[in-house]
N, C-alpha and C. Protein backbone atom coordinates (compact mmCIF):
# COMPACT_ATOMS: atom_id res chain seq x y z
N UNK A 1 0.50 -1.44 -0.13
CA UNK A 1 0.12 0.02 -0.04
C UNK A 1 0.88 1.13 -0.02
N UNK A 2 0.56 2.19 -0.81
CA UNK A 2 0.92 3.77 -0.71
C UNK A 2 0.09 4.78 -0.64
N UNK A 3 0.68 5.64 0.50
CA UNK A 3 -0.31 6.48 0.72
C UNK A 3 0.36 7.71 0.30
N UNK A 4 -0.74 8.34 -0.33
CA UNK A 4 -0.49 9.91 -0.36
C UNK A 4 -1.38 11.20 0.22
N UNK A 5 -0.28 12.03 0.53
CA UNK A 5 -1.23 13.19 1.21
C UNK A 5 -1.58 14.12 0.29
N UNK A 6 -2.80 14.95 -0.25
CA UNK A 6 -3.11 15.74 -0.95
C UNK A 6 -3.18 17.08 -0.04
N UNK A 7 -3.13 18.01 -0.79
CA UNK A 7 -3.07 19.48 -0.11
C UNK A 7 -4.08 20.42 -1.43
N UNK A 8 -4.88 20.42 -0.88
CA UNK A 8 -6.16 21.18 -1.84
C UNK A 8 -6.70 22.51 -1.24
N UNK A 9 -6.51 24.15 -1.62
CA UNK A 9 -7.21 25.14 -1.17
C UNK A 9 -7.08 24.99 1.17
N UNK A 10 -5.73 24.26 1.11
CA UNK A 10 -5.58 24.32 2.73
C UNK A 10 -6.06 23.35 3.34
N UNK A 11 -6.92 22.32 2.55
CA UNK A 11 -7.52 21.27 3.28
C UNK A 11 -6.34 19.98 2.63
N UNK A 12 -6.26 19.36 3.98
CA UNK A 12 -5.61 18.09 3.71
C UNK A 12 -5.98 16.55 4.13
N UNK A 13 -5.52 16.14 2.96
CA UNK A 13 -6.71 14.38 2.92
C UNK A 13 -5.64 13.58 2.57
N UNK A 14 -6.12 12.15 3.17
CA UNK A 14 -4.49 11.27 2.87
C UNK A 14 -5.49 10.27 2.36
N UNK A 15 -5.13 9.68 0.79
CA UNK A 15 -5.66 8.87 0.37
C UNK A 15 -4.59 7.51 -0.16
N UNK A 16 -5.51 6.57 0.06
CA UNK A 16 -4.49 5.38 0.63
C UNK A 16 -4.81 4.30 -1.14
N UNK A 17 -2.97 4.22 -1.95
CA UNK A 17 -3.72 3.49 -3.32
C UNK A 17 -2.75 2.04 -2.75
N UNK A 18 -3.54 1.09 -3.66
CA UNK A 18 -2.98 0.21 -3.87
C UNK A 18 -2.05 -0.26 -5.04
N UNK A 19 -1.16 -0.50 -5.10
CA UNK A 19 -0.42 -0.84 -6.19
C UNK A 19 -0.47 -1.68 -7.38
N UNK A 20 -1.47 -2.71 -6.84
CA UNK A 20 -1.52 -3.56 -7.42
C UNK A 20 -3.02 -3.23 -8.44
N UNK A 21 -3.58 -2.30 -7.78
CA UNK A 21 -5.05 -2.37 -8.38
C UNK A 21 -4.97 -0.75 -9.53
N UNK A 22 -3.56 -0.19 -9.43
CA UNK A 22 -3.37 1.38 -9.74
C UNK A 22 -2.77 0.89 -11.42
N UNK A 23 -2.99 1.26 -12.38
CA UNK A 23 -3.62 1.62 -13.76
C UNK A 23 -1.60 1.37 -14.00
N UNK A 24 -1.65 0.07 -15.12
CA UNK A 24 -0.17 0.11 -15.29
C UNK A 24 0.12 0.38 -16.97
N UNK A 25 1.06 1.26 -17.20
CA UNK A 25 1.48 1.91 -18.34
C UNK A 25 2.21 0.34 -18.99
N UNK A 26 1.52 0.15 -20.11
CA UNK A 26 2.44 -0.36 -20.96
C UNK A 26 3.10 0.10 -21.59
N UNK A 27 4.67 -0.35 -21.99
CA UNK A 27 5.93 0.48 -21.92
C UNK A 27 6.52 -0.97 -23.50
N UNK A 28 5.72 -1.20 -24.58
CA UNK A 28 5.29 -1.62 -25.12
C UNK A 28 5.44 -0.38 -26.26
N UNK A 29 5.98 -0.97 -27.44
CA UNK A 29 5.38 -0.08 -29.01
C UNK A 29 6.10 -0.20 -30.03
N UNK A 30 6.13 0.78 -30.84
CA UNK A 30 6.72 0.13 -32.09
C UNK A 30 7.00 1.32 -33.03
N UNK A 31 7.87 1.46 -34.08
CA UNK A 31 7.64 2.32 -34.67
C UNK A 31 7.82 1.51 -36.45
N UNK A 32 7.14 2.70 -37.01
CA UNK A 32 7.19 2.15 -38.39
C UNK A 32 7.87 3.34 -39.32
N UNK A 33 8.66 2.80 -40.19
CA UNK A 33 9.96 3.89 -41.11
C UNK A 33 8.67 3.58 -42.18
N UNK A 34 9.25 4.96 -43.22
CA UNK A 34 8.84 5.23 -44.24
C UNK A 34 8.54 4.26 -44.83
N UNK A 35 9.75 3.33 -44.86
CA UNK A 35 9.83 2.21 -46.25
C UNK A 35 9.25 0.59 -45.80
N UNK A 36 8.30 1.36 -44.62
CA UNK A 36 7.43 0.37 -44.78
C UNK A 36 7.86 -0.60 -43.12
N UNK A 37 8.92 -0.87 -43.07
CA UNK A 37 10.34 -1.38 -41.44
C UNK A 37 9.03 -1.59 -40.45
N UNK A 38 8.75 -2.43 -39.77
CA UNK A 38 8.69 -2.09 -38.34
C UNK A 38 8.98 -2.51 -37.84
N UNK A 39 9.51 -1.72 -36.47
CA UNK A 39 10.53 -2.19 -35.56
C UNK A 39 9.69 -1.89 -34.27
N UNK A 40 9.56 -3.24 -33.80
CA UNK A 40 9.08 -3.42 -32.35
C UNK A 40 9.89 -3.51 -31.19
N UNK A 41 9.35 -3.33 -29.74
CA UNK A 41 10.16 -2.92 -28.72
C UNK A 41 9.32 -3.49 -27.64
N UNK A 42 10.24 -3.40 -26.42
CA UNK A 42 9.43 -3.71 -25.25
C UNK A 42 9.55 -1.77 -24.60
N UNK A 43 10.28 -0.94 -25.51
CA UNK A 43 10.14 0.42 -24.80
C UNK A 43 10.18 1.14 -26.39
N UNK A 44 9.99 2.15 -26.21
CA UNK A 44 9.39 3.53 -26.86
C UNK A 44 9.70 4.31 -26.37
N UNK A 45 11.30 5.42 -26.03
CA UNK A 45 11.57 6.49 -25.78
C UNK A 45 12.29 7.89 -26.81
N UNK A 46 11.54 9.10 -25.60
CA UNK A 46 12.44 10.61 -26.87
C UNK A 46 13.36 11.17 -26.32
N UNK A 47 14.06 12.08 -26.89
CA UNK A 47 14.53 12.63 -26.29
C UNK A 47 14.88 12.90 -25.20
N UNK A 48 15.17 13.39 -23.92
CA UNK A 48 15.33 13.61 -22.66
C UNK A 48 14.53 15.31 -22.44
N UNK A 49 13.77 15.43 -21.74
CA UNK A 49 13.50 16.68 -21.80
C UNK A 49 14.46 18.38 -21.62
N UNK A 50 15.39 18.45 -21.17
CA UNK A 50 17.17 18.99 -21.31
C UNK A 50 17.69 18.52 -22.61
N UNK A 51 17.63 17.75 -23.32
CA UNK A 51 18.06 17.86 -24.77
C UNK A 51 17.40 18.60 -26.07
N UNK A 52 15.85 18.84 -25.18
CA UNK A 52 14.90 19.46 -26.43
C UNK A 52 15.08 20.74 -26.04
N UNK A 53 14.85 22.14 -27.32
CA UNK A 53 14.46 23.26 -27.42
C UNK A 53 13.26 23.78 -27.26
N UNK A 54 12.61 23.94 -25.63
CA UNK A 54 11.07 23.84 -26.31
C UNK A 54 10.85 25.49 -26.68
N UNK A 55 12.16 26.06 -27.81
CA UNK A 55 11.29 27.31 -28.03
C UNK A 55 10.91 26.58 -29.46
N UNK A 56 11.72 25.83 -30.19
CA UNK A 56 10.73 25.62 -30.93
C UNK A 56 10.50 24.01 -31.54
N UNK A 57 10.20 23.73 -30.23
CA UNK A 57 9.51 22.32 -30.36
C UNK A 57 8.08 22.07 -28.93
N UNK A 58 7.24 20.89 -29.09
CA UNK A 58 6.06 20.64 -28.05
C UNK A 58 6.19 19.57 -28.56
N UNK A 59 6.84 18.57 -28.41
CA UNK A 59 7.55 17.02 -28.92
C UNK A 59 5.81 16.49 -29.35
N UNK A 60 4.87 16.49 -27.55
CA UNK A 60 3.46 16.01 -28.59
C UNK A 60 2.49 16.59 -29.96
N UNK A 61 2.92 17.94 -29.74
CA UNK A 61 2.04 18.82 -30.31
C UNK A 61 1.80 19.56 -32.09
N UNK A 62 3.29 20.14 -32.01
CA UNK A 62 3.79 20.87 -33.04
C UNK A 62 4.79 20.49 -33.31
N UNK A 63 5.78 21.17 -33.98
CA UNK A 63 6.79 21.70 -35.05
C UNK A 63 7.87 20.43 -34.28
N UNK A 64 8.57 19.96 -35.06
CA UNK A 64 10.02 18.57 -34.62
C UNK A 64 11.12 19.26 -35.19
N UNK A 65 12.23 19.08 -35.28
CA UNK A 65 13.56 19.70 -35.71
C UNK A 65 14.01 18.50 -36.31
N UNK A 66 14.79 18.92 -37.57
CA UNK A 66 15.64 17.74 -38.22
C UNK A 66 16.38 16.61 -37.34
N UNK A 67 16.45 16.83 -36.18
CA UNK A 67 17.69 16.24 -35.60
C UNK A 67 17.14 15.38 -34.66
N UNK A 68 15.84 15.01 -34.21
CA UNK A 68 14.87 14.65 -33.63
C UNK A 68 14.86 13.09 -33.30
N UNK A 69 14.65 12.46 -32.93
CA UNK A 69 14.86 10.90 -33.24
C UNK A 69 13.84 9.94 -31.95
N UNK A 70 13.37 9.31 -32.47
CA UNK A 70 12.88 8.06 -31.37
C UNK A 70 13.59 6.62 -31.19
N UNK A 71 13.51 6.21 -30.01
CA UNK A 71 14.40 5.40 -29.81
C UNK A 71 13.41 4.12 -29.39
N UNK A 72 13.93 2.99 -29.88
CA UNK A 72 13.05 1.60 -29.73
C UNK A 72 14.30 1.07 -29.13
N UNK A 73 14.10 0.47 -27.75
CA UNK A 73 14.69 -0.72 -26.88
C UNK A 73 16.86 0.56 -26.96
N UNK A 74 16.30 1.38 -27.14
CA UNK A 74 17.88 2.13 -27.06
C UNK A 74 18.41 2.37 -28.18
N UNK A 75 17.61 1.92 -30.01
CA UNK A 75 18.06 1.75 -31.21
C UNK A 75 17.56 3.48 -31.67
N UNK A 76 18.24 4.24 -31.67
CA UNK A 76 18.02 5.88 -32.02
C UNK A 76 17.27 5.31 -34.41
N UNK A 77 15.93 5.96 -33.87
CA UNK A 77 15.92 6.20 -35.33
C UNK A 77 15.55 8.21 -35.27
N UNK A 78 16.31 8.09 -36.73
CA UNK A 78 16.02 9.46 -37.17
C UNK A 78 14.24 9.87 -37.05
N UNK A 79 13.96 10.76 -36.99
CA UNK A 79 12.29 11.07 -36.93
C UNK A 79 12.47 11.40 -38.51
N UNK A 80 12.80 12.15 -39.68
CA UNK A 80 12.50 12.10 -40.29
C UNK A 80 12.45 10.78 -41.68
N UNK A 81 13.22 9.00 -40.83
CA UNK A 81 12.68 8.45 -41.40
C UNK A 81 11.34 7.72 -40.90
N UNK A 82 10.46 8.33 -39.88
CA UNK A 82 9.45 7.63 -39.71
C UNK A 82 8.26 8.25 -40.03
N UNK A 83 7.65 7.01 -40.45
CA UNK A 83 6.13 7.63 -41.18
C UNK A 83 5.01 7.52 -39.43
N UNK A 84 5.27 6.75 -38.79
CA UNK A 84 4.40 6.99 -37.54
C UNK A 84 5.13 5.56 -36.08
N UNK A 85 4.68 6.21 -34.92
CA UNK A 85 4.79 5.24 -34.34
C UNK A 85 3.88 4.87 -33.10
N UNK A 86 3.58 3.79 -31.90
CA UNK A 86 3.05 3.94 -30.81
C UNK A 86 3.79 3.77 -29.79
N UNK A 87 2.92 4.34 -28.47
CA UNK A 87 3.79 4.32 -27.87
C UNK A 87 2.56 4.45 -26.97
N UNK A 88 2.33 2.70 -25.41
CA UNK A 88 0.83 3.19 -25.02
C UNK A 88 0.00 3.24 -25.17
N UNK A 89 -0.06 2.06 -26.37
CA UNK A 89 -1.85 2.64 -27.66
C UNK A 89 -1.82 4.24 -27.80
N UNK A 90 -1.21 4.56 -28.04
CA UNK A 90 -1.55 5.46 -29.35
C UNK A 90 0.10 5.84 -29.99
N UNK A 91 -1.43 5.97 -31.25
CA UNK A 91 -0.32 5.74 -32.61
C UNK A 91 -0.47 7.89 -32.71
N UNK A 92 1.20 7.88 -33.37
CA UNK A 92 1.30 9.00 -33.93
C UNK A 92 1.80 8.82 -34.95
N UNK A 93 1.42 9.63 -36.34
CA UNK A 93 2.26 9.95 -37.33
C UNK A 93 2.20 10.69 -37.97
N UNK A 94 3.39 10.95 -38.35
CA UNK A 94 5.26 11.97 -38.80
C UNK A 94 4.06 12.90 -40.22
N UNK A 95 4.24 13.99 -40.67
CA UNK A 95 4.17 14.54 -41.10
C UNK A 95 4.85 15.87 -41.20
N UNK A 96 4.94 16.43 -42.28
CA UNK A 96 5.81 17.24 -42.19
C UNK A 96 6.65 18.65 -40.86
N UNK A 97 6.99 17.59 -40.57
CA UNK A 97 7.83 17.75 -39.36
C UNK A 97 6.68 17.82 -37.73
N UNK A 98 5.23 18.09 -37.94
CA UNK A 98 4.53 17.47 -37.37
C UNK A 98 3.95 16.11 -36.60
N UNK A 99 3.81 15.98 -35.48
CA UNK A 99 3.11 14.89 -34.74
C UNK A 99 1.65 14.95 -34.79
N UNK A 100 1.18 13.72 -35.50
CA UNK A 100 -0.46 14.31 -35.66
C UNK A 100 -1.00 12.64 -34.78
N UNK A 101 -1.56 13.18 -33.46
CA UNK A 101 -2.03 11.97 -32.84
C UNK A 101 -3.10 11.28 -33.95
N UNK A 102 -3.63 9.91 -33.94
CA UNK A 102 -4.58 9.47 -34.50
C UNK A 102 -5.79 9.37 -33.13
N UNK A 103 -6.76 9.85 -33.83
CA UNK A 103 -8.04 9.81 -32.96
C UNK A 103 -8.96 8.77 -33.61
N UNK A 104 -8.68 8.51 -34.79
CA UNK A 104 -10.14 7.51 -35.08
C UNK A 104 -9.14 6.42 -36.68
N UNK A 105 -9.46 5.09 -36.45
CA UNK A 105 -8.25 4.29 -37.39
C UNK A 105 -9.69 3.20 -37.98
N UNK A 106 -9.41 3.54 -39.96
CA UNK A 106 -9.57 2.52 -40.18
C UNK A 106 -9.63 2.64 -41.37
N UNK A 107 -10.51 2.90 -42.72
CA UNK A 107 -10.19 3.21 -43.88
C UNK A 107 -9.33 4.71 -44.35
N UNK A 108 -10.34 5.27 -43.48
CA UNK A 108 -10.05 7.00 -43.43
C UNK A 108 -9.66 7.12 -41.57
N UNK A 109 -8.29 7.10 -41.35
CA UNK A 109 -7.43 7.71 -40.36
C UNK A 109 -7.83 9.33 -40.05
N UNK A 110 -8.13 9.28 -38.48
CA UNK A 110 -8.50 11.09 -38.36
C UNK A 110 -7.42 11.49 -37.53
N UNK A 111 -6.08 12.22 -37.59
CA UNK A 111 -5.31 12.54 -37.00
C UNK A 111 -5.91 14.22 -35.91
N UNK A 112 -4.88 14.46 -34.67
CA UNK A 112 -5.34 16.13 -34.86
C UNK A 112 -3.84 16.31 -34.45
N UNK A 113 -3.55 17.73 -34.43
CA UNK A 113 -2.85 18.22 -33.87
C UNK A 113 -2.98 20.22 -33.81
N UNK A 114 -2.18 20.56 -32.32
CA UNK A 114 -1.83 21.82 -32.45
C UNK A 114 -1.17 22.66 -33.13
N UNK A 115 -1.50 23.84 -33.43
CA UNK A 115 -1.05 24.49 -34.81
C UNK A 115 -1.28 25.82 -34.02
N UNK A 116 -0.01 26.76 -34.16
CA UNK A 116 0.41 28.10 -33.85
C UNK A 116 -0.83 28.59 -34.60
N UNK A 117 -1.35 29.41 -34.59
CA UNK A 117 -2.47 30.62 -35.76
C UNK A 117 -2.05 32.23 -34.86
N UNK A 118 -2.03 33.22 -36.26
CA UNK A 118 -1.52 34.36 -35.94
C UNK A 118 -2.84 34.99 -34.56
N UNK A 119 -3.16 35.68 -33.90
CA UNK A 119 -4.53 36.31 -33.72
C UNK A 119 -4.74 37.59 -33.76
N UNK A 120 -5.61 38.76 -33.76
CA UNK A 120 -6.03 39.54 -35.01
C UNK A 120 -5.41 40.50 -34.42
N UNK A 121 -4.27 40.47 -33.71
CA UNK A 121 -3.38 41.77 -34.09
C UNK A 121 -2.13 41.28 -35.02
N UNK A 122 -1.58 39.73 -35.62
CA UNK A 122 -0.81 39.50 -36.70
C UNK A 122 0.38 39.27 -35.52
N UNK A 123 0.54 39.74 -34.36
CA UNK A 123 1.94 39.16 -34.09
C UNK A 123 1.83 38.14 -32.95
N UNK A 124 0.43 37.85 -32.05
CA UNK A 124 -0.23 37.08 -30.71
C UNK A 124 -0.11 35.88 -31.56
N UNK A 125 -0.04 34.96 -30.87
CA UNK A 125 0.25 33.86 -31.19
C UNK A 125 -0.82 32.79 -30.47
N UNK A 126 -1.84 32.41 -30.86
CA UNK A 126 -2.71 30.85 -29.79
C UNK A 126 -2.28 29.51 -30.87
N UNK A 127 -2.93 28.67 -29.75
CA UNK A 127 -2.67 27.35 -30.17
C UNK A 127 -4.51 27.01 -30.48
N UNK A 128 -4.78 26.82 -31.46
CA UNK A 128 -5.22 25.48 -32.46
C UNK A 128 -5.82 24.40 -32.47
N UNK A 129 -6.63 23.44 -32.27
CA UNK A 129 -5.95 21.74 -32.46
C UNK A 129 -6.70 22.18 -33.84
N UNK A 130 -6.04 21.17 -35.26
CA UNK A 130 -6.28 21.64 -36.23
C UNK A 130 -6.27 19.78 -36.45
N UNK A 131 -7.60 19.17 -38.16
CA UNK A 131 -7.26 18.11 -38.10
C UNK A 131 -6.63 17.82 -39.50
N UNK A 132 -6.24 16.35 -39.96
CA UNK A 132 -6.08 15.67 -40.56
C UNK A 132 -6.61 14.65 -41.19
N UNK A 133 -7.24 14.28 -42.39
CA UNK A 133 -7.44 12.44 -42.42
C UNK A 133 -6.39 12.12 -43.71
N UNK A 134 -6.64 10.86 -43.43
CA UNK A 134 -5.73 9.67 -44.79
C UNK A 134 -6.31 8.74 -44.76
N UNK A 135 -6.77 8.65 -46.06
CA UNK A 135 -7.50 8.21 -46.96
C UNK A 135 -6.46 6.44 -47.37
N UNK A 136 -5.23 7.92 -48.46
CA UNK A 136 -4.08 6.53 -48.56
C UNK A 136 -2.65 6.76 -47.37
N UNK A 137 -1.93 5.98 -47.22
CA UNK A 137 -1.24 5.80 -46.09
C UNK A 137 0.14 7.09 -47.02
N UNK A 138 0.37 7.64 -45.61
CA UNK A 138 1.46 8.78 -46.12
C UNK A 138 0.74 9.99 -46.58
N UNK A 139 -0.50 10.31 -47.17
CA UNK A 139 -1.27 10.71 -47.62
C UNK A 139 -2.10 12.08 -46.95
N UNK A 140 -1.56 12.95 -46.03
CA UNK A 140 -2.58 13.37 -45.01
C UNK A 140 -2.96 15.01 -45.74
N UNK A 141 -4.34 15.02 -45.50
CA UNK A 141 -5.24 16.23 -45.83
C UNK A 141 -5.34 17.10 -44.62
N UNK A 142 -5.31 18.09 -45.24
CA UNK A 142 -5.63 18.95 -43.54
C UNK A 142 -6.94 19.71 -43.72
N UNK A 143 -7.80 19.07 -42.93
CA UNK A 143 -9.11 19.36 -42.67
C UNK A 143 -9.31 20.87 -41.76
N UNK A 144 -10.31 22.03 -43.27
CA UNK A 144 -9.47 23.18 -42.76
C UNK A 144 -11.40 23.71 -42.72
N UNK A 145 -11.61 24.75 -42.12
CA UNK A 145 -12.95 25.26 -41.76
C UNK A 145 -13.76 24.74 -42.82
N UNK A 146 -13.24 24.80 -44.42
CA UNK A 146 -14.70 24.49 -44.79
C UNK A 146 -14.20 23.17 -45.17
N UNK A 147 -15.44 22.16 -45.46
CA UNK A 147 -15.24 20.84 -45.13
C UNK A 147 -14.80 20.24 -46.89
N UNK A 148 -14.66 20.95 -47.63
CA UNK A 148 -14.97 20.08 -49.36
C UNK A 148 -13.96 19.00 -49.69
N UNK A 149 -12.69 19.22 -48.83
CA UNK A 149 -11.97 18.15 -48.90
C UNK A 149 -12.62 17.10 -48.63
N UNK A 150 -12.51 16.84 -47.94
CA UNK A 150 -12.89 16.13 -46.50
C UNK A 150 -14.44 15.68 -46.99
N UNK A 151 -15.30 16.24 -47.52
CA UNK A 151 -16.23 15.83 -47.92
C UNK A 151 -16.26 15.21 -49.13
N UNK A 152 -15.73 15.52 -50.28
CA UNK A 152 -14.84 14.86 -51.63
C UNK A 152 -14.80 13.06 -51.16
N UNK A 153 -14.19 13.21 -49.65
CA UNK A 153 -13.33 11.49 -49.21
C UNK A 153 -14.16 10.83 -48.97
N UNK A 154 -15.79 11.27 -48.43
CA UNK A 154 -15.95 10.39 -47.67
C UNK A 154 -17.60 9.92 -49.07
N UNK A 155 -17.50 10.59 -49.72
CA UNK A 155 -18.59 10.59 -50.83
C UNK A 155 -19.02 9.48 -50.74
N UNK A 156 -18.20 8.24 -50.54
CA UNK A 156 -18.74 6.97 -51.55
C UNK A 156 -19.11 6.36 -49.92
N UNK A 157 -19.49 6.90 -49.37
CA UNK A 157 -20.49 5.99 -48.37
C UNK A 157 -21.35 7.30 -48.36
N UNK A 158 -22.48 6.68 -48.51
CA UNK A 158 -24.11 8.29 -48.55
C UNK A 158 -24.40 7.88 -47.01
N UNK A 159 -24.13 6.94 -46.00
CA UNK A 159 -24.85 7.59 -44.17
C UNK A 159 -23.47 8.07 -43.82
N UNK A 160 -22.12 8.48 -44.50
CA UNK A 160 -21.27 9.48 -43.49
C UNK A 160 -21.54 10.56 -44.36
N UNK A 161 -21.54 10.66 -45.78
CA UNK A 161 -21.83 11.94 -46.42
C UNK A 161 -23.30 12.34 -45.29
N UNK A 162 -24.28 11.77 -45.46
CA UNK A 162 -25.45 12.52 -44.71
C UNK A 162 -25.14 13.13 -43.76
N UNK A 163 -24.37 12.12 -42.82
CA UNK A 163 -24.66 12.48 -41.62
C UNK A 163 -23.44 13.63 -41.08
N UNK A 164 -22.36 14.00 -42.35
CA UNK A 164 -21.99 15.00 -42.18
C UNK A 164 -22.34 16.32 -42.52
N UNK A 165 -23.35 16.15 -43.03
CA UNK A 165 -24.63 17.44 -43.81
C UNK A 165 -25.13 17.37 -42.63
N UNK A 166 -25.62 16.69 -41.42
CA UNK A 166 -26.21 16.93 -40.48
C UNK A 166 -25.59 17.23 -39.39
N UNK A 167 -24.60 17.14 -39.65
CA UNK A 167 -23.17 17.95 -38.50
C UNK A 167 -23.21 18.82 -38.67
N UNK A 168 -22.42 18.93 -39.82
CA UNK A 168 -21.63 20.70 -40.56
C UNK A 168 -22.58 21.11 -41.54
N UNK A 169 -23.88 21.67 -41.32
CA UNK A 169 -25.13 21.76 -42.02
C UNK A 169 -24.47 22.82 -43.49
N UNK A 170 -23.29 23.76 -43.18
CA UNK A 170 -23.02 24.36 -44.81
C UNK A 170 -21.46 23.94 -45.13
N UNK A 171 -21.10 22.79 -44.55
CA UNK A 171 -20.09 22.47 -44.65
C UNK A 171 -18.97 23.01 -44.43
N UNK A 172 -19.02 23.50 -43.42
CA UNK A 172 -17.89 24.37 -42.47
C UNK A 172 -18.14 24.48 -41.44
N UNK A 173 -16.75 24.27 -40.75
CA UNK A 173 -16.39 23.40 -39.00
C UNK A 173 -15.95 24.69 -38.49
N UNK A 174 -17.11 24.66 -37.31
CA UNK A 174 -16.39 25.54 -36.26
C UNK A 174 -14.85 25.54 -35.56
N UNK A 175 -14.32 25.90 -35.49
CA UNK A 175 -13.29 25.67 -34.44
C UNK A 175 -12.72 25.47 -33.08
N UNK A 176 -14.08 24.18 -32.68
CA UNK A 176 -14.78 24.33 -31.09
C UNK A 176 -14.42 22.59 -30.82
N UNK A 177 -13.81 22.54 -29.36
CA UNK A 177 -14.22 20.78 -29.34
C UNK A 177 -15.13 19.95 -29.44
N UNK A 178 -16.32 20.67 -29.43
CA UNK A 178 -17.29 19.75 -30.32
C UNK A 178 -17.27 18.92 -31.34
N UNK A 179 -16.17 19.93 -32.82
CA UNK A 179 -16.18 19.79 -33.98
C UNK A 179 -15.33 18.28 -34.06
N UNK A 180 -14.65 18.12 -33.13
CA UNK A 180 -13.87 16.79 -33.40
C UNK A 180 -15.05 15.66 -33.31
N UNK A 181 -15.78 15.73 -31.74
CA UNK A 181 -16.33 14.44 -31.61
C UNK A 181 -17.84 14.95 -33.02
N UNK A 182 -17.97 15.57 -33.87
CA UNK A 182 -18.49 15.42 -34.68
C UNK A 182 -17.88 14.33 -36.07
N UNK A 183 -16.19 15.25 -36.17
CA UNK A 183 -15.60 14.48 -37.28
C UNK A 183 -15.74 12.86 -36.92
N UNK A 184 -15.36 12.91 -35.55
CA UNK A 184 -14.80 11.55 -35.22
C UNK A 184 -16.19 10.32 -35.82
N UNK A 185 -17.54 10.87 -35.19
CA UNK A 185 -18.96 10.19 -35.70
C UNK A 185 -18.90 10.10 -36.98
N UNK A 186 -18.24 10.83 -37.86
CA UNK A 186 -18.40 10.74 -39.46
C UNK A 186 -17.38 9.97 -39.78
N UNK A 187 -16.48 9.74 -39.10
CA UNK A 187 -15.24 8.83 -39.89
C UNK A 187 -15.31 7.81 -39.08
N UNK A 188 -16.10 7.46 -38.08
CA UNK A 188 -16.60 6.38 -37.10
C UNK A 188 -17.46 5.08 -38.57
N UNK A 189 -18.66 5.98 -38.75
CA UNK A 189 -19.46 4.89 -39.90
C UNK A 189 -19.43 5.44 -40.81
N UNK A 190 -18.20 6.35 -41.37
CA UNK A 190 -17.76 5.72 -42.57
C UNK A 190 -16.58 4.55 -42.68
N UNK A 191 -15.77 4.38 -41.63
CA UNK A 191 -15.10 2.71 -41.67
C UNK A 191 -15.64 1.92 -40.94
N UNK A 192 -17.69 2.00 -40.95
CA UNK A 192 -18.38 0.86 -40.79
C UNK A 192 -17.91 -0.35 -41.94
């Protein structure tokens, strides 16, 4: 048994955690190279935080650098050679120096990532979640505010196109968290 003391707003409480019932993270994973080679291992690791220049990278969400790498069981693989990798049941694809987190898998894969967007004054930047789909391996297409390309990609499935029109009436996607859930619904129906 492990005891943890929590202090919140001046109140103290003691929690008892049972190590046996605590969720265990899986360290197993793999890297898929652009040439199709899959390298499996018991651990997938990234550069240590002190070796990453955080002014240019947020490793899981934003841009990466040419010298970044991922290691499988200690074997370093340059990021520029990697199509994607999985660690702790999360798959990420590498595209144009962005790491895309897969949120739906199937005939049509749906990914999300964060990017910087200029504010109204042009100089202030803020982060927004952006989405891409992948219908052909390695061909990622940005889903922008206008859903024309996404809609064209799902046109071969009547149910999915009907749902897309219902959820996005003017084939426009507002930048809201609910948009992700709606996109996931459409892609899940398409992948049936």
